[in-house]
């Protein structure tokens, strides 16, 4: 946002302007009042600094909710399943947001903390995330959604039947997304970035979780 002096210096239509008080009120309002998006972003960043886990849980809430609504709209199989959406949202709020906050904070603190955006730091973080975290958290996803759906007996069959296809799809999407994440995205805003990328991924997870698992 330009300072009052810059407004004066750059003024062409008001060459005689000498002080901030001489600037027309309309120009002052344009300079002093940020747009809605700027105000929203400032409020978000402030809340993120004060309450990081709560805010990241909220972004996960919307990410998974939109993803599941999109999935159910695209597939269009039967009536809308509210409890399916609630299961995905519960996973986002209680695990994806808070645990993701801890995980990415740990990576930033432990993996080349003095050069966090160097190429080797970015690649090492991406590999740790994809080779360690992704398989583990995918299993957590199947445990959570099956138990919440009232079918704990389906946890192991779901992992056996769906983990490999899920990992193949994961490796097609997330390595590139995380290279961008660790290179360019500030640490505090990683969950927001991931949730934006994750809307379509959440739709995929929703359909994968809702799909039938064959048992012997």
N, C-alpha and C. Protein backbone atom coordinates (compact mmCIF):
# COMPACT_ATOMS: atom_id res chain seq x y z
N UNK A 1 0.85 -1.18 0.00
CA UNK A 1 0.00 0.00 0.00
C UNK A 1 0.88 1.23 0.00
N UNK A 2 0.69 2.19 -0.92
CA UNK A 2 1.55 3.37 -0.97
C UNK A 2 1.36 4.24 0.25
N UNK A 3 2.41 4.87 0.67
CA UNK A 3 2.34 5.79 1.80
C UNK A 3 1.72 7.10 1.35
N UNK A 4 1.26 7.92 2.30
CA UNK A 4 0.72 9.23 1.90
C UNK A 4 1.70 10.05 1.07
N UNK A 5 2.99 9.97 1.41
CA UNK A 5 3.97 10.75 0.66
C UNK A 5 4.10 10.26 -0.77
N UNK A 6 4.01 8.90 -0.96
CA UNK A 6 4.10 8.35 -2.30
C UNK A 6 2.91 8.77 -3.15
N UNK A 7 1.75 8.85 -2.50
CA UNK A 7 0.58 9.32 -3.23
C UNK A 7 0.80 10.74 -3.72
N UNK A 8 1.40 11.54 -2.85
CA UNK A 8 1.66 12.92 -3.24
C UNK A 8 2.69 13.00 -4.35
N UNK A 9 3.75 12.20 -4.21
CA UNK A 9 4.83 12.25 -5.20
C UNK A 9 4.39 11.77 -6.57
N UNK A 10 3.47 10.77 -6.58
CA UNK A 10 3.06 10.17 -7.84
C UNK A 10 1.84 10.84 -8.45
N UNK A 11 1.34 11.85 -7.79
CA UNK A 11 0.11 12.49 -8.27
C UNK A 11 0.41 13.32 -9.51
N UNK A 12 -0.32 13.01 -10.59
CA UNK A 12 -0.16 13.77 -11.83
C UNK A 12 -1.30 14.77 -11.98
N UNK A 13 -2.49 14.29 -11.57
CA UNK A 13 -3.67 15.14 -11.74
C UNK A 13 -3.73 16.24 -10.69
N UNK A 14 -2.92 16.13 -9.62
CA UNK A 14 -2.92 17.14 -8.58
C UNK A 14 -1.51 17.69 -8.39
N UNK A 15 -0.96 18.36 -9.37
CA UNK A 15 0.42 18.80 -9.29
C UNK A 15 0.67 19.80 -8.17
N UNK A 16 -0.37 20.51 -7.71
CA UNK A 16 -0.17 21.51 -6.68
C UNK A 16 -0.26 20.95 -5.27
N UNK A 17 -0.54 19.65 -5.15
CA UNK A 17 -0.71 19.03 -3.84
C UNK A 17 0.60 19.08 -3.06
N UNK A 18 0.53 19.56 -1.83
CA UNK A 18 1.73 19.70 -1.01
C UNK A 18 1.71 18.80 0.22
N UNK A 19 0.53 18.52 0.78
CA UNK A 19 0.42 17.74 2.01
C UNK A 19 -0.64 16.66 1.85
N UNK A 20 -0.63 15.69 2.80
CA UNK A 20 -1.62 14.61 2.79
C UNK A 20 -3.04 15.17 2.94
N UNK A 21 -3.19 16.27 3.66
CA UNK A 21 -4.52 16.86 3.86
C UNK A 21 -5.10 17.40 2.56
N UNK A 22 -4.22 17.72 1.62
CA UNK A 22 -4.69 18.27 0.34
C UNK A 22 -5.17 17.20 -0.64
N UNK A 23 -4.87 15.93 -0.34
CA UNK A 23 -5.28 14.84 -1.24
C UNK A 23 -6.78 14.68 -1.18
N UNK A 24 -7.47 14.51 -2.31
CA UNK A 24 -8.93 14.33 -2.32
C UNK A 24 -9.34 13.14 -1.46
N UNK A 25 -10.53 13.23 -0.83
CA UNK A 25 -11.01 12.17 0.06
C UNK A 25 -11.16 10.84 -0.68
N UNK A 26 -11.58 10.87 -1.93
CA UNK A 26 -11.74 9.63 -2.69
C UNK A 26 -10.41 8.90 -2.83
N UNK A 27 -9.35 9.66 -3.10
CA UNK A 27 -8.01 9.06 -3.21
C UNK A 27 -7.55 8.50 -1.88
N UNK A 28 -7.85 9.23 -0.79
CA UNK A 28 -7.48 8.75 0.53
C UNK A 28 -8.14 7.41 0.83
N UNK A 29 -9.44 7.30 0.49
CA UNK A 29 -10.15 6.05 0.76
C UNK A 29 -9.55 4.89 -0.01
N UNK A 30 -9.17 5.13 -1.27
CA UNK A 30 -8.58 4.08 -2.08
C UNK A 30 -7.25 3.61 -1.48
N UNK A 31 -6.49 4.57 -0.95
CA UNK A 31 -5.19 4.24 -0.39
C UNK A 31 -5.31 3.59 0.97
N UNK A 32 -6.22 4.08 1.79
CA UNK A 32 -6.29 3.66 3.18
C UNK A 32 -7.13 2.41 3.39
N UNK A 33 -8.06 2.12 2.50
CA UNK A 33 -8.97 1.00 2.71
C UNK A 33 -8.58 -0.17 1.82
N UNK A 34 -8.04 -1.25 2.39
CA UNK A 34 -7.69 -2.41 1.58
C UNK A 34 -8.93 -3.14 1.11
N UNK A 35 -8.78 -3.90 0.05
CA UNK A 35 -9.90 -4.66 -0.47
C UNK A 35 -10.31 -5.78 0.47
N UNK A 36 -11.46 -6.37 0.17
CA UNK A 36 -11.98 -7.45 1.02
C UNK A 36 -11.00 -8.61 1.14
N UNK A 37 -10.41 -9.01 0.01
CA UNK A 37 -9.49 -10.13 0.04
C UNK A 37 -8.27 -9.83 0.89
N UNK A 38 -7.78 -8.60 0.83
CA UNK A 38 -6.63 -8.23 1.65
C UNK A 38 -6.99 -8.27 3.14
N UNK A 39 -8.17 -7.78 3.47
CA UNK A 39 -8.61 -7.80 4.87
C UNK A 39 -8.78 -9.24 5.35
N UNK A 40 -9.39 -10.05 4.50
CA UNK A 40 -9.59 -11.45 4.87
C UNK A 40 -8.25 -12.15 5.08
N UNK A 41 -7.30 -11.91 4.16
CA UNK A 41 -6.00 -12.56 4.26
C UNK A 41 -5.25 -12.12 5.52
N UNK A 42 -5.33 -10.83 5.84
CA UNK A 42 -4.67 -10.35 7.05
C UNK A 42 -5.28 -10.98 8.29
N UNK A 43 -6.61 -11.10 8.31
CA UNK A 43 -7.28 -11.74 9.45
C UNK A 43 -6.89 -13.20 9.56
N UNK A 44 -6.80 -13.87 8.41
CA UNK A 44 -6.41 -15.28 8.40
C UNK A 44 -4.99 -15.46 8.93
N UNK A 45 -4.06 -14.66 8.46
CA UNK A 45 -2.67 -14.78 8.89
C UNK A 45 -2.54 -14.48 10.38
N UNK A 46 -3.27 -13.49 10.85
CA UNK A 46 -3.24 -13.16 12.27
C UNK A 46 -3.77 -14.32 13.11
N UNK A 47 -4.90 -14.88 12.69
CA UNK A 47 -5.47 -16.02 13.42
C UNK A 47 -4.54 -17.22 13.35
N UNK A 48 -3.88 -17.39 12.22
CA UNK A 48 -2.96 -18.51 12.06
C UNK A 48 -1.79 -18.40 13.02
N UNK A 49 -1.29 -17.20 13.22
CA UNK A 49 -0.19 -17.00 14.16
C UNK A 49 -0.62 -17.25 15.60
N UNK A 50 -1.86 -16.86 15.93
CA UNK A 50 -2.33 -16.99 17.31
C UNK A 50 -2.84 -18.39 17.63
N UNK A 51 -3.53 -19.00 16.67
CA UNK A 51 -4.15 -20.31 16.90
C UNK A 51 -3.88 -21.24 15.71
N UNK A 52 -2.64 -21.66 15.52
CA UNK A 52 -2.29 -22.41 14.30
C UNK A 52 -3.05 -23.72 14.12
N UNK A 53 -3.19 -24.49 15.19
CA UNK A 53 -3.86 -25.79 15.04
C UNK A 53 -5.34 -25.62 14.74
N UNK A 54 -6.01 -24.70 15.45
CA UNK A 54 -7.44 -24.48 15.22
C UNK A 54 -7.70 -24.00 13.80
N UNK A 55 -6.88 -23.08 13.31
CA UNK A 55 -7.07 -22.55 11.97
C UNK A 55 -6.79 -23.61 10.91
N UNK A 56 -5.75 -24.41 11.11
CA UNK A 56 -5.43 -25.46 10.14
C UNK A 56 -6.50 -26.56 10.15
N UNK A 57 -7.08 -26.81 11.31
CA UNK A 57 -8.20 -27.75 11.37
C UNK A 57 -9.39 -27.22 10.59
N UNK A 58 -9.61 -25.91 10.68
CA UNK A 58 -10.72 -25.29 9.95
C UNK A 58 -10.50 -25.39 8.44
N UNK A 59 -9.27 -25.15 7.98
CA UNK A 59 -9.02 -25.26 6.54
C UNK A 59 -9.18 -26.71 6.08
N UNK A 60 -8.79 -27.67 6.92
CA UNK A 60 -8.99 -29.08 6.58
C UNK A 60 -10.48 -29.41 6.53
N UNK A 61 -11.26 -28.81 7.42
CA UNK A 61 -12.71 -29.00 7.41
C UNK A 61 -13.28 -28.65 6.04
N UNK A 62 -12.95 -27.47 5.55
CA UNK A 62 -13.51 -27.04 4.27
C UNK A 62 -12.92 -27.84 3.11
N UNK A 63 -11.63 -28.19 3.19
CA UNK A 63 -11.01 -28.96 2.13
C UNK A 63 -11.68 -30.32 1.94
N UNK A 64 -11.89 -31.04 3.04
CA UNK A 64 -12.50 -32.37 2.95
C UNK A 64 -13.99 -32.28 2.65
N UNK A 65 -14.66 -31.27 3.17
CA UNK A 65 -16.09 -31.13 2.90
C UNK A 65 -16.32 -30.87 1.41
N UNK A 66 -15.58 -29.92 0.84
CA UNK A 66 -15.73 -29.60 -0.58
C UNK A 66 -15.35 -30.81 -1.43
N UNK A 67 -14.28 -31.51 -1.03
CA UNK A 67 -13.85 -32.69 -1.78
C UNK A 67 -14.91 -33.76 -1.83
N UNK A 68 -15.54 -34.04 -0.69
CA UNK A 68 -16.56 -35.09 -0.66
C UNK A 68 -17.82 -34.66 -1.40
N UNK A 69 -18.22 -33.40 -1.23
CA UNK A 69 -19.39 -32.92 -1.98
C UNK A 69 -19.15 -33.03 -3.47
N UNK A 70 -17.93 -32.70 -3.89
CA UNK A 70 -17.57 -32.82 -5.31
C UNK A 70 -17.62 -34.27 -5.75
N UNK A 71 -17.09 -35.17 -4.91
CA UNK A 71 -17.07 -36.59 -5.26
C UNK A 71 -18.48 -37.14 -5.40
N UNK A 72 -19.35 -36.82 -4.45
CA UNK A 72 -20.71 -37.34 -4.51
C UNK A 72 -21.50 -36.73 -5.67
N UNK A 73 -21.17 -35.49 -6.01
CA UNK A 73 -21.85 -34.85 -7.14
C UNK A 73 -21.43 -35.48 -8.46
N UNK A 74 -20.14 -35.76 -8.60
CA UNK A 74 -19.63 -36.33 -9.84
C UNK A 74 -20.12 -37.75 -10.05
N UNK A 75 -20.04 -38.57 -8.98
CA UNK A 75 -20.46 -39.97 -9.13
C UNK A 75 -21.97 -40.09 -9.26
N UNK A 76 -22.69 -39.32 -8.43
CA UNK A 76 -24.14 -39.31 -8.53
C UNK A 76 -24.80 -40.65 -8.29
N UNK A 77 -24.16 -41.49 -7.46
CA UNK A 77 -24.74 -42.81 -7.18
C UNK A 77 -25.67 -42.72 -5.97
N UNK A 78 -26.97 -42.72 -6.22
CA UNK A 78 -27.92 -42.71 -5.12
C UNK A 78 -28.05 -41.35 -4.48
N UNK A 79 -28.72 -41.35 -3.30
CA UNK A 79 -28.95 -40.11 -2.58
C UNK A 79 -27.66 -39.63 -1.91
N UNK A 80 -27.66 -38.36 -1.61
CA UNK A 80 -26.51 -37.78 -0.92
C UNK A 80 -26.33 -38.42 0.45
N UNK A 81 -25.09 -38.81 0.76
CA UNK A 81 -24.78 -39.47 2.03
C UNK A 81 -24.12 -38.48 2.97
N UNK A 82 -24.91 -37.91 3.88
CA UNK A 82 -24.41 -36.92 4.82
C UNK A 82 -23.34 -37.51 5.73
N UNK A 83 -23.55 -38.75 6.19
CA UNK A 83 -22.60 -39.34 7.14
C UNK A 83 -21.25 -39.62 6.49
N UNK A 84 -21.25 -39.87 5.20
CA UNK A 84 -19.98 -40.01 4.48
C UNK A 84 -19.19 -38.70 4.52
N UNK A 85 -19.90 -37.59 4.29
CA UNK A 85 -19.25 -36.28 4.37
C UNK A 85 -18.74 -36.02 5.78
N UNK A 86 -19.55 -36.34 6.78
CA UNK A 86 -19.16 -36.10 8.17
C UNK A 86 -17.93 -36.91 8.55
N UNK A 87 -17.83 -38.14 8.04
CA UNK A 87 -16.64 -38.95 8.35
C UNK A 87 -15.38 -38.30 7.77
N UNK A 88 -15.48 -37.84 6.52
CA UNK A 88 -14.32 -37.20 5.89
C UNK A 88 -13.96 -35.90 6.60
N UNK A 89 -14.97 -35.13 6.96
CA UNK A 89 -14.73 -33.86 7.66
C UNK A 89 -14.11 -34.13 9.03
N UNK A 90 -14.60 -35.15 9.72
CA UNK A 90 -14.05 -35.49 11.04
C UNK A 90 -12.58 -35.88 10.92
N UNK A 91 -12.23 -36.61 9.88
CA UNK A 91 -10.83 -36.96 9.65
C UNK A 91 -10.00 -35.70 9.43
N UNK A 92 -10.51 -34.78 8.63
CA UNK A 92 -9.76 -33.56 8.36
C UNK A 92 -9.55 -32.72 9.60
N UNK A 93 -10.62 -32.56 10.40
CA UNK A 93 -10.56 -31.68 11.56
C UNK A 93 -9.71 -32.26 12.68
N UNK A 94 -9.87 -33.56 12.95
CA UNK A 94 -9.20 -34.15 14.11
C UNK A 94 -7.80 -34.68 13.82
N UNK A 95 -7.53 -35.04 12.55
CA UNK A 95 -6.22 -35.64 12.24
C UNK A 95 -5.45 -34.86 11.17
N UNK A 96 -6.05 -34.65 10.02
CA UNK A 96 -5.29 -34.05 8.92
C UNK A 96 -4.73 -32.68 9.28
N UNK A 97 -5.56 -31.81 9.84
CA UNK A 97 -5.09 -30.47 10.21
C UNK A 97 -4.09 -30.48 11.35
N UNK A 98 -4.47 -31.00 12.54
CA UNK A 98 -3.55 -30.96 13.70
C UNK A 98 -2.30 -31.80 13.51
N UNK A 99 -2.45 -33.04 13.03
CA UNK A 99 -1.28 -33.90 12.87
C UNK A 99 -0.39 -33.40 11.73
N UNK A 100 -1.02 -32.89 10.68
CA UNK A 100 -0.24 -32.30 9.59
C UNK A 100 0.59 -31.12 10.08
N UNK A 101 0.01 -30.32 10.96
CA UNK A 101 0.75 -29.19 11.55
C UNK A 101 2.01 -29.69 12.26
N UNK A 102 1.86 -30.73 13.06
CA UNK A 102 3.01 -31.27 13.80
C UNK A 102 4.05 -31.85 12.85
N UNK A 103 3.59 -32.57 11.83
CA UNK A 103 4.51 -33.21 10.90
C UNK A 103 5.34 -32.20 10.11
N UNK A 104 4.69 -31.21 9.54
CA UNK A 104 5.42 -30.25 8.73
C UNK A 104 6.30 -29.33 9.57
N UNK A 105 5.87 -29.06 10.78
CA UNK A 105 6.73 -28.30 11.70
C UNK A 105 7.98 -29.11 12.03
N UNK A 106 7.81 -30.41 12.25
CA UNK A 106 8.95 -31.29 12.54
C UNK A 106 9.93 -31.33 11.37
N UNK A 107 9.40 -31.45 10.16
CA UNK A 107 10.27 -31.46 8.98
C UNK A 107 11.07 -30.16 8.88
N UNK A 108 10.39 -29.04 9.09
CA UNK A 108 11.08 -27.75 8.97
C UNK A 108 12.15 -27.57 10.05
N UNK A 109 11.92 -28.16 11.21
CA UNK A 109 12.88 -28.00 12.30
C UNK A 109 14.05 -28.97 12.21
N UNK A 110 13.83 -30.13 11.61
CA UNK A 110 14.84 -31.19 11.66
C UNK A 110 15.60 -31.38 10.35
N UNK A 111 15.01 -31.02 9.23
CA UNK A 111 15.65 -31.27 7.94
C UNK A 111 16.27 -29.98 7.42
N UNK A 112 17.59 -29.88 7.53
CA UNK A 112 18.33 -28.70 7.09
C UNK A 112 17.65 -27.40 7.53
N UNK A 113 17.48 -27.20 8.83
CA UNK A 113 16.75 -26.01 9.30
C UNK A 113 17.43 -24.69 8.96
N UNK A 114 18.75 -24.71 8.72
CA UNK A 114 19.46 -23.48 8.40
C UNK A 114 19.37 -23.09 6.93
N UNK A 115 18.90 -24.02 6.11
CA UNK A 115 18.71 -23.74 4.68
C UNK A 115 17.43 -24.42 4.21
N UNK A 116 16.28 -24.01 4.76
CA UNK A 116 15.02 -24.73 4.56
C UNK A 116 14.51 -24.81 3.14
N UNK A 117 14.91 -23.86 2.29
CA UNK A 117 14.42 -23.89 0.91
C UNK A 117 15.51 -24.26 -0.10
N UNK A 118 16.64 -24.76 0.39
CA UNK A 118 17.66 -25.24 -0.54
C UNK A 118 17.15 -26.48 -1.26
N UNK A 119 17.73 -26.79 -2.40
CA UNK A 119 17.26 -27.92 -3.19
C UNK A 119 17.35 -29.23 -2.42
N UNK A 120 18.45 -29.44 -1.69
CA UNK A 120 18.57 -30.69 -0.95
C UNK A 120 17.57 -30.77 0.20
N UNK A 121 17.29 -29.63 0.86
CA UNK A 121 16.29 -29.64 1.92
C UNK A 121 14.91 -29.96 1.36
N UNK A 122 14.56 -29.35 0.24
CA UNK A 122 13.25 -29.56 -0.38
C UNK A 122 13.08 -31.01 -0.81
N UNK A 123 14.10 -31.57 -1.45
CA UNK A 123 14.01 -32.97 -1.93
C UNK A 123 13.94 -33.93 -0.75
N UNK A 124 14.73 -33.70 0.29
CA UNK A 124 14.71 -34.59 1.46
C UNK A 124 13.37 -34.55 2.17
N UNK A 125 12.79 -33.36 2.30
CA UNK A 125 11.47 -33.25 2.93
C UNK A 125 10.41 -33.97 2.10
N UNK A 126 10.48 -33.79 0.78
CA UNK A 126 9.51 -34.44 -0.09
C UNK A 126 9.62 -35.96 0.01
N UNK A 127 10.85 -36.48 0.01
CA UNK A 127 11.05 -37.93 0.10
C UNK A 127 10.57 -38.47 1.44
N UNK A 128 10.88 -37.74 2.51
CA UNK A 128 10.41 -38.17 3.84
C UNK A 128 8.89 -38.20 3.88
N UNK A 129 8.27 -37.20 3.31
CA UNK A 129 6.82 -37.13 3.31
C UNK A 129 6.19 -38.26 2.51
N UNK A 130 6.77 -38.53 1.33
CA UNK A 130 6.16 -39.51 0.44
C UNK A 130 6.49 -40.96 0.79
N UNK A 131 7.69 -41.20 1.29
CA UNK A 131 8.09 -42.58 1.57
C UNK A 131 7.76 -43.02 2.99
N UNK A 132 7.65 -42.08 3.91
CA UNK A 132 7.36 -42.42 5.30
C UNK A 132 5.95 -42.01 5.70
N UNK A 133 5.67 -40.74 5.53
CA UNK A 133 4.41 -40.21 6.03
C UNK A 133 3.20 -40.66 5.22
N UNK A 134 3.29 -40.61 3.90
CA UNK A 134 2.13 -40.93 3.06
C UNK A 134 1.60 -42.35 3.29
N UNK A 135 2.45 -43.39 3.29
CA UNK A 135 1.91 -44.73 3.54
C UNK A 135 1.31 -44.87 4.95
N UNK A 136 2.01 -44.31 5.94
CA UNK A 136 1.52 -44.40 7.32
C UNK A 136 0.18 -43.70 7.47
N UNK A 137 0.09 -42.46 6.99
CA UNK A 137 -1.14 -41.70 7.19
C UNK A 137 -2.28 -42.23 6.34
N UNK A 138 -1.96 -42.87 5.23
CA UNK A 138 -3.00 -43.52 4.43
C UNK A 138 -3.63 -44.68 5.20
N UNK A 139 -2.80 -45.44 5.92
CA UNK A 139 -3.34 -46.51 6.76
C UNK A 139 -4.20 -45.94 7.88
N UNK A 140 -3.76 -44.82 8.46
CA UNK A 140 -4.56 -44.15 9.48
C UNK A 140 -5.92 -43.75 8.92
N UNK A 141 -5.93 -43.29 7.68
CA UNK A 141 -7.18 -42.90 7.03
C UNK A 141 -8.14 -44.07 6.95
N UNK A 142 -7.66 -45.23 6.53
CA UNK A 142 -8.54 -46.40 6.43
C UNK A 142 -9.02 -46.86 7.80
N UNK A 143 -8.17 -46.80 8.80
CA UNK A 143 -8.59 -47.16 10.16
C UNK A 143 -9.69 -46.21 10.62
N UNK A 144 -9.45 -44.92 10.47
CA UNK A 144 -10.39 -43.91 10.97
C UNK A 144 -11.75 -44.03 10.29
N UNK A 145 -11.76 -44.06 8.97
CA UNK A 145 -13.04 -44.04 8.24
C UNK A 145 -13.83 -45.34 8.44
N UNK A 146 -13.15 -46.47 8.50
CA UNK A 146 -13.87 -47.73 8.70
C UNK A 146 -14.42 -47.86 10.12
N UNK A 147 -13.63 -47.44 11.09
CA UNK A 147 -14.11 -47.49 12.48
C UNK A 147 -15.28 -46.54 12.67
N UNK A 148 -15.17 -45.34 12.11
CA UNK A 148 -16.25 -44.37 12.26
C UNK A 148 -17.51 -44.82 11.52
N UNK A 149 -17.34 -45.59 10.45
CA UNK A 149 -18.50 -46.11 9.72
C UNK A 149 -19.12 -47.32 10.42
N UNK A 150 -18.50 -47.78 11.52
CA UNK A 150 -19.03 -48.91 12.26
C UNK A 150 -18.58 -50.25 11.75
N UNK A 151 -17.48 -50.28 10.97
CA UNK A 151 -16.98 -51.54 10.41
C UNK A 151 -15.49 -51.71 10.70
N UNK A 152 -15.12 -51.84 11.96
CA UNK A 152 -13.69 -52.02 12.27
C UNK A 152 -13.10 -53.28 11.67
N UNK A 153 -13.95 -54.26 11.42
CA UNK A 153 -13.46 -55.51 10.83
C UNK A 153 -12.98 -55.32 9.39
N UNK A 154 -13.35 -54.18 8.78
CA UNK A 154 -12.96 -53.92 7.41
C UNK A 154 -11.64 -53.15 7.28
N UNK A 155 -11.03 -52.83 8.41
CA UNK A 155 -9.80 -52.04 8.37
C UNK A 155 -8.71 -52.76 7.59
N UNK A 156 -8.39 -53.98 7.99
CA UNK A 156 -7.32 -54.72 7.34
C UNK A 156 -7.65 -55.06 5.89
N UNK A 157 -8.85 -55.56 5.57
CA UNK A 157 -9.17 -55.80 4.16
C UNK A 157 -9.10 -54.53 3.31
N UNK A 158 -9.49 -53.40 3.88
CA UNK A 158 -9.43 -52.14 3.12
C UNK A 158 -7.99 -51.76 2.81
N UNK A 159 -7.12 -51.91 3.81
CA UNK A 159 -5.71 -51.59 3.59
C UNK A 159 -5.11 -52.52 2.55
N UNK A 160 -5.42 -53.80 2.65
CA UNK A 160 -4.87 -54.77 1.70
C UNK A 160 -5.36 -54.51 0.28
N UNK A 161 -6.61 -54.12 0.14
CA UNK A 161 -7.19 -53.95 -1.20
C UNK A 161 -6.94 -52.57 -1.80
N UNK A 162 -6.82 -51.54 -0.95
CA UNK A 162 -6.84 -50.17 -1.47
C UNK A 162 -5.55 -49.38 -1.27
N UNK A 163 -4.66 -49.86 -0.41
CA UNK A 163 -3.47 -49.06 -0.12
C UNK A 163 -2.58 -48.90 -1.36
N UNK A 164 -2.35 -49.99 -2.09
CA UNK A 164 -1.48 -49.92 -3.26
C UNK A 164 -2.03 -48.99 -4.34
N UNK A 165 -3.31 -49.11 -4.73
CA UNK A 165 -3.85 -48.15 -5.71
C UNK A 165 -3.78 -46.71 -5.20
N UNK A 166 -3.99 -46.55 -3.91
CA UNK A 166 -3.93 -45.22 -3.33
C UNK A 166 -2.52 -44.64 -3.42
N UNK A 167 -1.50 -45.46 -3.16
CA UNK A 167 -0.12 -44.99 -3.22
C UNK A 167 0.29 -44.68 -4.66
N UNK A 168 -0.18 -45.47 -5.61
CA UNK A 168 0.14 -45.20 -7.02
C UNK A 168 -0.44 -43.85 -7.43
N UNK A 169 -1.69 -43.59 -7.04
CA UNK A 169 -2.31 -42.30 -7.33
C UNK A 169 -1.60 -41.18 -6.58
N UNK A 170 -1.21 -41.45 -5.36
CA UNK A 170 -0.51 -40.46 -4.54
C UNK A 170 0.80 -40.01 -5.19
N UNK A 171 1.57 -40.98 -5.69
CA UNK A 171 2.87 -40.65 -6.28
C UNK A 171 2.74 -39.92 -7.62
N UNK A 172 1.55 -39.97 -8.19
CA UNK A 172 1.33 -39.22 -9.44
C UNK A 172 1.00 -37.76 -9.18
N UNK A 173 0.63 -37.44 -7.95
CA UNK A 173 0.17 -36.10 -7.63
C UNK A 173 1.07 -35.35 -6.67
N UNK A 174 1.38 -35.99 -5.53
CA UNK A 174 1.92 -35.25 -4.40
C UNK A 174 3.42 -34.95 -4.43
N UNK A 175 4.28 -35.74 -5.07
CA UNK A 175 5.69 -35.32 -5.10
C UNK A 175 5.90 -33.93 -5.71
N UNK A 176 5.26 -33.67 -6.85
CA UNK A 176 5.39 -32.34 -7.47
C UNK A 176 4.75 -31.27 -6.58
N UNK A 177 3.58 -31.59 -6.04
CA UNK A 177 2.90 -30.61 -5.17
C UNK A 177 3.77 -30.26 -3.97
N UNK A 178 4.46 -31.24 -3.42
CA UNK A 178 5.27 -30.98 -2.23
C UNK A 178 6.62 -30.34 -2.57
N UNK A 179 7.13 -30.55 -3.74
CA UNK A 179 8.32 -29.81 -4.13
C UNK A 179 8.01 -28.30 -4.15
N UNK A 180 6.84 -27.96 -4.66
CA UNK A 180 6.39 -26.56 -4.63
C UNK A 180 6.15 -26.13 -3.19
N UNK A 181 5.52 -27.00 -2.43
CA UNK A 181 5.20 -26.72 -1.04
C UNK A 181 6.44 -26.33 -0.23
N UNK A 182 7.44 -27.20 -0.25
CA UNK A 182 8.62 -26.99 0.59
C UNK A 182 9.55 -25.91 0.03
N UNK A 183 9.43 -25.61 -1.24
CA UNK A 183 10.30 -24.60 -1.85
C UNK A 183 9.74 -23.19 -1.70
N UNK A 184 8.44 -23.04 -1.86
CA UNK A 184 7.88 -21.69 -1.99
C UNK A 184 6.86 -21.30 -0.92
N UNK A 185 6.25 -22.28 -0.23
CA UNK A 185 5.16 -21.97 0.69
C UNK A 185 5.70 -21.76 2.10
N UNK A 186 5.34 -20.65 2.77
CA UNK A 186 5.75 -20.47 4.17
C UNK A 186 5.24 -21.60 5.04
N UNK A 187 6.02 -21.94 6.05
CA UNK A 187 5.69 -23.09 6.90
C UNK A 187 4.28 -23.01 7.48
N UNK A 188 3.90 -21.83 7.97
CA UNK A 188 2.59 -21.69 8.61
C UNK A 188 1.44 -21.90 7.65
N UNK A 189 1.69 -21.73 6.35
CA UNK A 189 0.61 -21.80 5.37
C UNK A 189 0.60 -23.10 4.57
N UNK A 190 1.38 -24.07 5.02
CA UNK A 190 1.45 -25.34 4.28
C UNK A 190 0.10 -26.06 4.25
N UNK A 191 -0.60 -26.10 5.38
CA UNK A 191 -1.88 -26.82 5.43
C UNK A 191 -2.90 -26.16 4.51
N UNK A 192 -2.90 -24.83 4.46
CA UNK A 192 -3.80 -24.13 3.54
C UNK A 192 -3.49 -24.51 2.10
N UNK A 193 -2.21 -24.49 1.74
CA UNK A 193 -1.82 -24.86 0.38
C UNK A 193 -2.21 -26.31 0.09
N UNK A 194 -1.92 -27.20 1.03
CA UNK A 194 -2.22 -28.62 0.84
C UNK A 194 -3.72 -28.83 0.69
N UNK A 195 -4.53 -28.13 1.51
CA UNK A 195 -5.97 -28.29 1.42
C UNK A 195 -6.51 -27.78 0.09
N UNK A 196 -5.89 -26.73 -0.44
CA UNK A 196 -6.31 -26.26 -1.77
C UNK A 196 -6.00 -27.32 -2.83
N UNK A 197 -4.81 -27.92 -2.74
CA UNK A 197 -4.45 -29.00 -3.67
C UNK A 197 -5.29 -30.24 -3.42
N UNK A 198 -5.76 -30.36 -2.19
CA UNK A 198 -6.35 -31.62 -1.75
C UNK A 198 -7.82 -31.76 -2.07
N UNK A 199 -8.44 -30.72 -2.61
CA UNK A 199 -9.87 -30.82 -2.85
C UNK A 199 -10.19 -31.97 -3.79
N UNK A 200 -9.49 -32.05 -4.92
CA UNK A 200 -9.71 -33.17 -5.84
C UNK A 200 -9.20 -34.47 -5.23
N UNK A 201 -8.09 -34.39 -4.48
CA UNK A 201 -7.57 -35.59 -3.83
C UNK A 201 -8.56 -36.10 -2.78
N UNK A 202 -9.20 -35.20 -2.07
CA UNK A 202 -10.21 -35.60 -1.09
C UNK A 202 -11.40 -36.27 -1.77
N UNK A 203 -11.74 -35.79 -2.96
CA UNK A 203 -12.80 -36.44 -3.73
C UNK A 203 -12.40 -37.87 -4.07
N UNK A 204 -11.14 -38.05 -4.45
CA UNK A 204 -10.64 -39.40 -4.74
C UNK A 204 -10.69 -40.27 -3.48
N UNK A 205 -10.21 -39.73 -2.35
CA UNK A 205 -10.23 -40.48 -1.10
C UNK A 205 -11.65 -40.85 -0.69
N UNK A 206 -12.56 -39.92 -0.90
CA UNK A 206 -13.95 -40.17 -0.54
C UNK A 206 -14.51 -41.35 -1.31
N UNK A 207 -14.30 -41.36 -2.63
CA UNK A 207 -14.79 -42.47 -3.44
C UNK A 207 -14.06 -43.78 -3.11
N UNK A 208 -12.75 -43.68 -2.83
CA UNK A 208 -11.99 -44.87 -2.48
C UNK A 208 -12.49 -45.46 -1.17
N UNK A 209 -12.73 -44.58 -0.19
CA UNK A 209 -13.21 -45.05 1.10
C UNK A 209 -14.60 -45.64 1.01
N UNK A 210 -15.45 -45.06 0.15
CA UNK A 210 -16.83 -45.52 0.04
C UNK A 210 -16.96 -46.77 -0.83
N UNK A 211 -15.93 -47.06 -1.62
CA UNK A 211 -16.01 -48.23 -2.50
C UNK A 211 -16.03 -49.53 -1.72
N UNK A 212 -16.64 -50.49 -2.29
CA UNK A 212 -16.75 -51.79 -1.62
C UNK A 212 -15.41 -52.50 -1.61
N UNK A 213 -15.15 -53.18 -0.52
CA UNK A 213 -13.94 -53.97 -0.38
C UNK A 213 -14.29 -55.44 -0.39
N UNK A 214 -13.68 -56.18 -1.29
CA UNK A 214 -13.96 -57.60 -1.37
C UNK A 214 -13.28 -58.34 -0.24
N UNK A 215 -14.00 -59.22 0.39
CA UNK A 215 -13.44 -60.08 1.45
C UNK A 215 -13.62 -61.53 1.07
N UNK A 216 -12.76 -62.33 1.60
CA UNK A 216 -12.85 -63.76 1.30
C UNK A 216 -13.98 -64.42 2.06
